[in-house]
Protein backbone atom coordinates (compact mmCIF):
# COMPACT_ATOMS: atom_id res chain seq x y z
CA MET A 1 191.87 231.85 170.59
CA PRO A 2 192.00 229.84 173.67
CA SER A 3 188.45 230.97 175.78
CA THR A 4 189.09 233.40 179.11
CA SER A 5 188.45 230.13 181.57
CA ALA A 6 191.38 228.39 179.58
CA ARG A 7 193.38 231.68 179.99
CA GLN A 8 192.39 231.87 183.47
CA ASP A 9 192.99 227.69 184.07
CA GLU A 10 196.98 228.77 182.68
CA MET A 11 197.53 231.93 184.60
CA TRP A 12 196.42 229.55 188.03
CA VAL A 13 198.84 226.83 186.87
CA ASN A 14 201.91 229.27 186.38
CA LYS A 15 201.07 230.47 189.50
CA GLU A 16 201.40 227.19 191.22
CA LEU A 17 204.10 226.49 189.86
CA ASP A 18 205.68 229.81 191.47
CA ALA A 19 204.77 228.73 194.62
CA VAL A 20 206.02 224.85 193.59
CA LYS A 21 209.75 226.89 192.54
CA ARG A 22 209.84 228.71 195.33
CA GLU A 23 208.61 226.27 197.80
CA LEU A 24 211.50 224.09 196.25
CA ALA A 25 213.94 226.59 196.39
CA GLU A 26 213.37 227.02 199.76
CA TYR A 27 213.72 223.59 200.58
CA LYS A 28 217.25 223.36 199.17
CA GLU A 29 218.54 226.45 200.58
CA ILE A 30 217.37 224.60 203.93
CA GLU A 31 218.97 221.67 202.82
CA GLU A 32 222.00 223.35 202.43
CA ALA A 33 221.68 225.71 205.74
CA ASN A 34 221.22 221.81 207.05
CA CYS A 35 224.28 220.13 205.12
CA GLU A 36 226.48 223.12 206.49
CA LEU A 37 224.85 223.37 210.45
CA ALA A 38 225.66 219.25 210.47
CA LEU A 39 229.45 220.38 208.92
CA GLU A 40 229.44 223.03 211.81
CA LEU A 41 228.05 220.08 214.30
CA GLU A 42 231.05 217.67 213.17
CA ALA A 43 233.48 220.40 213.95
CA VAL A 44 232.41 221.52 216.79
CA LYS A 45 232.15 217.26 218.00
CA ARG A 46 235.94 216.56 216.98
CA GLU A 47 236.89 220.05 219.06
CA LEU A 48 235.17 218.55 221.85
CA ALA A 49 236.86 215.23 221.88
CA LEU A 50 239.90 216.90 221.23
CA GLY A 51 239.02 219.18 224.15
CA LYS A 52 238.74 216.44 226.01
CA GLU A 53 241.32 214.49 225.11
CA ARG A 54 243.92 217.21 226.27
CA HIS A 55 242.37 217.59 229.33
CA THR A 56 242.26 214.12 230.21
CA LYS A 57 246.47 214.10 229.24
CA LEU A 58 246.72 217.81 231.31
CA GLN A 59 244.96 215.58 234.37
CA MET A 60 246.78 213.38 234.55
CA SER A 61 250.27 215.33 233.92
CA ILE A 62 248.88 217.24 237.19
CA ALA A 63 248.38 213.82 238.47
CA GLY A 64 252.11 212.99 238.17
CA ILE A 65 253.37 215.87 239.38
CA GLN A 66 251.19 215.83 242.30
CA GLU A 67 252.30 212.00 243.15
CA GLU A 68 255.81 212.68 241.72
CA THR A 69 256.28 215.72 244.26
CA SER A 70 254.43 213.47 247.40
CA CYS A 71 256.44 212.78 250.43
CA GLY A 72 256.75 209.42 250.49
CA ILE A 73 256.38 209.85 254.70
CA CYS A 74 253.33 212.17 254.75
CA GLY A 75 251.68 212.41 251.52
CA HIS A 76 252.04 215.53 250.86
CA GLN A 77 252.88 218.25 248.71
CA MET A 78 257.14 218.63 249.29
CA THR A 79 257.24 222.46 249.25
CA SER A 80 260.17 221.81 251.72
CA ALA A 81 262.46 219.24 249.74
CA ALA A 82 265.22 217.83 250.97
CA ILE A 83 267.18 215.17 248.85
CA LEU A 84 269.18 212.59 250.19
CA GLU A 85 272.18 210.49 249.21
CA CYS A 86 270.34 207.81 247.50
CA GLY A 87 268.60 209.95 245.60
CA HIS A 88 265.26 209.64 247.22
CA THR A 89 263.22 212.79 248.31
CA PHE A 90 261.12 213.47 251.58
CA CYS A 91 260.00 217.00 253.36
CA GLY A 92 262.95 218.50 254.85
CA SER A 93 260.41 218.53 258.36
CA CYS A 94 259.88 214.73 257.98
CA VAL A 95 262.96 213.00 257.48
CA TYR A 96 264.43 215.32 260.13
CA THR A 97 261.69 214.17 261.79
CA TRP A 98 262.59 210.61 260.81
CA PHE A 99 265.88 211.22 261.69
CA ARG A 100 266.06 212.70 264.89
CA THR A 101 263.46 209.87 266.14
CA LYS A 102 266.63 207.56 265.33
CA LEU A 103 268.92 209.72 267.27
CA ASP A 104 266.78 209.84 270.32
CA ASP A 105 266.25 206.12 270.76
CA HIS A 106 270.42 206.19 270.39
CA VAL A 107 270.80 208.11 272.68
CA LEU A 108 268.56 206.42 275.18
CA GLU A 109 271.20 203.57 274.81
CA TYR A 110 274.48 205.29 274.66
CA PRO A 111 273.02 208.58 277.32
CA ASN A 112 277.07 210.32 276.14
CA TYR A 113 276.66 210.03 272.33
CA ASP A 114 277.00 213.94 270.81
CA PRO A 115 277.41 214.64 266.93
CA LYS A 116 279.15 218.16 267.88
CA SER A 117 281.44 216.66 270.14
CA PHE A 118 283.35 214.11 267.75
CA VAL A 119 285.88 217.24 266.29
CA PRO A 120 286.25 219.90 268.26
CA LYS A 121 286.39 223.66 267.66
CA GLN A 122 290.01 223.95 268.15
CA TRP A 123 290.91 221.37 265.75
CA ILE A 124 288.98 223.23 263.65
CA THR A 125 289.84 226.40 264.48
CA ALA A 126 294.42 224.74 264.68
CA LEU A 127 293.07 223.76 261.19
CA GLN A 128 292.43 227.15 260.00
CA ASP A 129 295.53 228.89 260.97
CA GLU A 130 297.98 228.85 257.89
CA ARG A 131 300.78 228.58 260.57
CA LEU A 132 299.77 224.90 261.18
CA SER A 133 302.72 223.07 259.41
CA TRP A 134 301.31 220.33 257.04
CA ILE A 135 302.63 217.67 259.69
CA ALA A 136 300.42 218.61 262.10
CA ARG A 137 298.01 218.85 259.84
CA LEU A 138 297.79 215.30 259.13
CA SER A 139 298.31 214.06 262.19
CA LEU A 140 295.48 216.07 263.13
CA VAL A 141 293.14 215.08 259.98
CA SER A 142 294.08 211.06 261.92
CA ASN A 143 292.91 212.19 264.83
CA ILE A 144 289.81 213.40 263.45
CA ASP A 145 289.00 210.66 261.85
CA ALA A 146 290.15 208.52 264.13
CA SER A 147 287.54 210.06 266.92
CA LEU A 148 284.82 209.39 263.75
CA LEU A 149 285.21 205.97 262.91
CA SER A 150 285.33 204.75 266.49
CA ALA A 151 282.37 206.64 267.78
CA ARG A 152 279.12 204.13 267.50
CA HIS A 153 276.37 206.67 265.26
CA PRO A 154 273.22 205.78 265.24
CA VAL A 155 272.25 204.12 262.10
CA TYR A 156 270.54 206.33 259.83
CA THR A 157 268.57 204.55 256.48
CA CYS A 158 266.27 206.26 253.98
CA PRO A 159 262.58 205.73 254.69
CA SER A 160 262.27 204.88 251.00
CA CYS A 161 264.90 202.07 250.24
CA ARG A 162 266.27 201.78 253.56
CA GLN A 163 269.70 202.30 252.55
CA HIS A 164 272.45 203.74 254.68
CA VAL A 165 272.49 207.41 255.07
CA ARG A 166 275.85 208.59 256.10
CA SER A 167 275.19 212.46 255.55
CA ALA A 168 272.71 215.06 256.12
CA PRO A 169 270.51 215.66 253.33
CA VAL A 170 270.02 218.67 251.14
CA PRO A 171 267.74 221.14 249.66
CA ASN A 172 266.73 220.13 246.51
CA VAL A 173 266.14 223.10 244.66
CA ALA A 174 264.32 222.21 241.68
CA LEU A 175 262.27 220.37 243.15
CA LYS A 176 260.85 222.81 245.57
CA GLN A 177 260.86 225.37 242.52
CA VAL A 178 257.78 222.77 240.81
CA THR A 179 255.51 222.54 244.19
CA ARG A 180 255.91 225.99 245.33
CA GLY A 181 254.39 226.90 241.86
CA LEU A 182 251.39 224.30 241.79
CA PRO A 183 249.39 225.83 245.29
CA GLU A 184 248.89 229.09 242.47
CA SER A 185 247.03 227.04 240.05
CA LEU A 186 246.23 223.55 241.83
CA ASP A 187 244.46 222.97 244.73
CA VAL A 188 247.40 221.41 246.32
CA ASP A 189 247.89 220.54 250.00
CA ASN A 190 251.05 221.37 252.21
CA GLY A 191 250.20 219.32 254.77
CA PRO A 192 251.33 220.46 258.31
CA ASN A 193 255.23 220.15 257.34
CA ASP A 194 255.04 222.95 254.86
CA VAL A 195 257.99 225.26 255.94
CA VAL A 196 258.70 228.57 254.56
CA GLU A 197 262.84 228.16 254.55
CA ASP A 198 264.71 225.27 255.38
CA VAL A 199 266.34 225.44 259.11
CA PHE A 200 266.97 222.61 260.41
CA ASN A 201 269.50 221.89 262.22
CA TRP A 202 271.49 218.80 260.23
CA GLU A 203 274.81 219.44 262.50
CA ASP A 204 272.41 217.80 265.40
CA LEU A 205 272.01 214.57 263.80
CA PHE A 206 275.36 213.72 261.36
CA PRO A 207 278.79 214.23 262.75
CA ILE A 208 281.27 215.85 259.79
CA SER A 209 280.88 212.65 257.45
CA VAL A 210 284.81 211.52 257.01
CA ARG A 211 284.01 211.78 253.31
CA GLN A 212 283.70 215.66 253.94
CA LEU A 213 286.87 216.24 255.99
CA GLY A 214 289.07 214.83 254.14
CA LEU A 215 288.32 216.21 251.23
CA VAL A 216 288.68 219.88 252.75
CA TRP A 217 291.78 218.80 254.98
CA TYR A 218 292.93 216.84 251.68
CA VAL A 219 293.46 219.62 249.54
CA ILE A 220 294.60 221.62 252.96
CA VAL A 221 297.40 219.32 253.40
CA LEU A 222 298.72 219.26 249.59
CA SER A 223 298.55 223.17 249.64
CA SER A 224 300.91 222.82 252.26
CA ALA A 225 302.86 220.14 251.31
CA ARG A 226 303.99 221.97 247.83
CA HIS A 227 304.83 224.88 250.05
CA VAL A 228 307.19 223.06 251.40
CA LEU A 229 308.40 221.32 249.30
C-alpha cells in the first residue's frame, strides 16, 4: 500500500492539475471572448467606414445641391429663382437689378424710351372687343408689331452666357421648392436678395413681345376668320 506521504503527494498533484485545468479553461474562455470582441470590433470598424463613406457622399451631394442652387450673380441660395429663356436661373431680385441697370443706361441715351408705351391700352381694349372685325384686328396687330419692331430697345443679356434676352424671366418653381427646403435642415445663407414673394414689375423692363402678342392674336384672328368663313 502507498504510504501516507505518497498519497499526500498524489492529492497535491491532482489538486495542482485541477487548478491548471481550471486556468486553461478560463484562458480558453478569455481567448474565445477576445475572438468575439475582435469580430465585433471589425464589424464596428466596417460600419464606421460605411458611415464615413455615406457621410462623405451626403456632404458631396449637399455641396452639389448648394452649388447648383447658388445664384451666379450674388453667390447665395436662390429662394426667389427666375429662369431666363436661355435656361439659366438667378435670384429674381438679382436679375431684375441686372436688367434694370441696362434699362437705366438705355434711358440715359434715349430719354423718351418707355416699354409700356408701345402697346397703348386702347389698342388692347379694341382687341378685346368681340365686335371688332378680323380685318381690323389684322390691321391693329400689324401696327403693334411695327411699333415694337421699330423701337430701339435695351439689349438685355444673360449674366452667364450673354445670350440676348428678349422676354421677361419666369419663376423657376421647382428650384424654389428645393432651395426653400434647404434652410430647414442646413445652415444655408440666402443672402441679401432673399424675398418672400416674387413681386417684380417685369413690364417696366420688357414690352409685350411680338412673339407673345402674335400667338394670342393669331388665335383671335383665326377664330374671327372662321366665323366670317
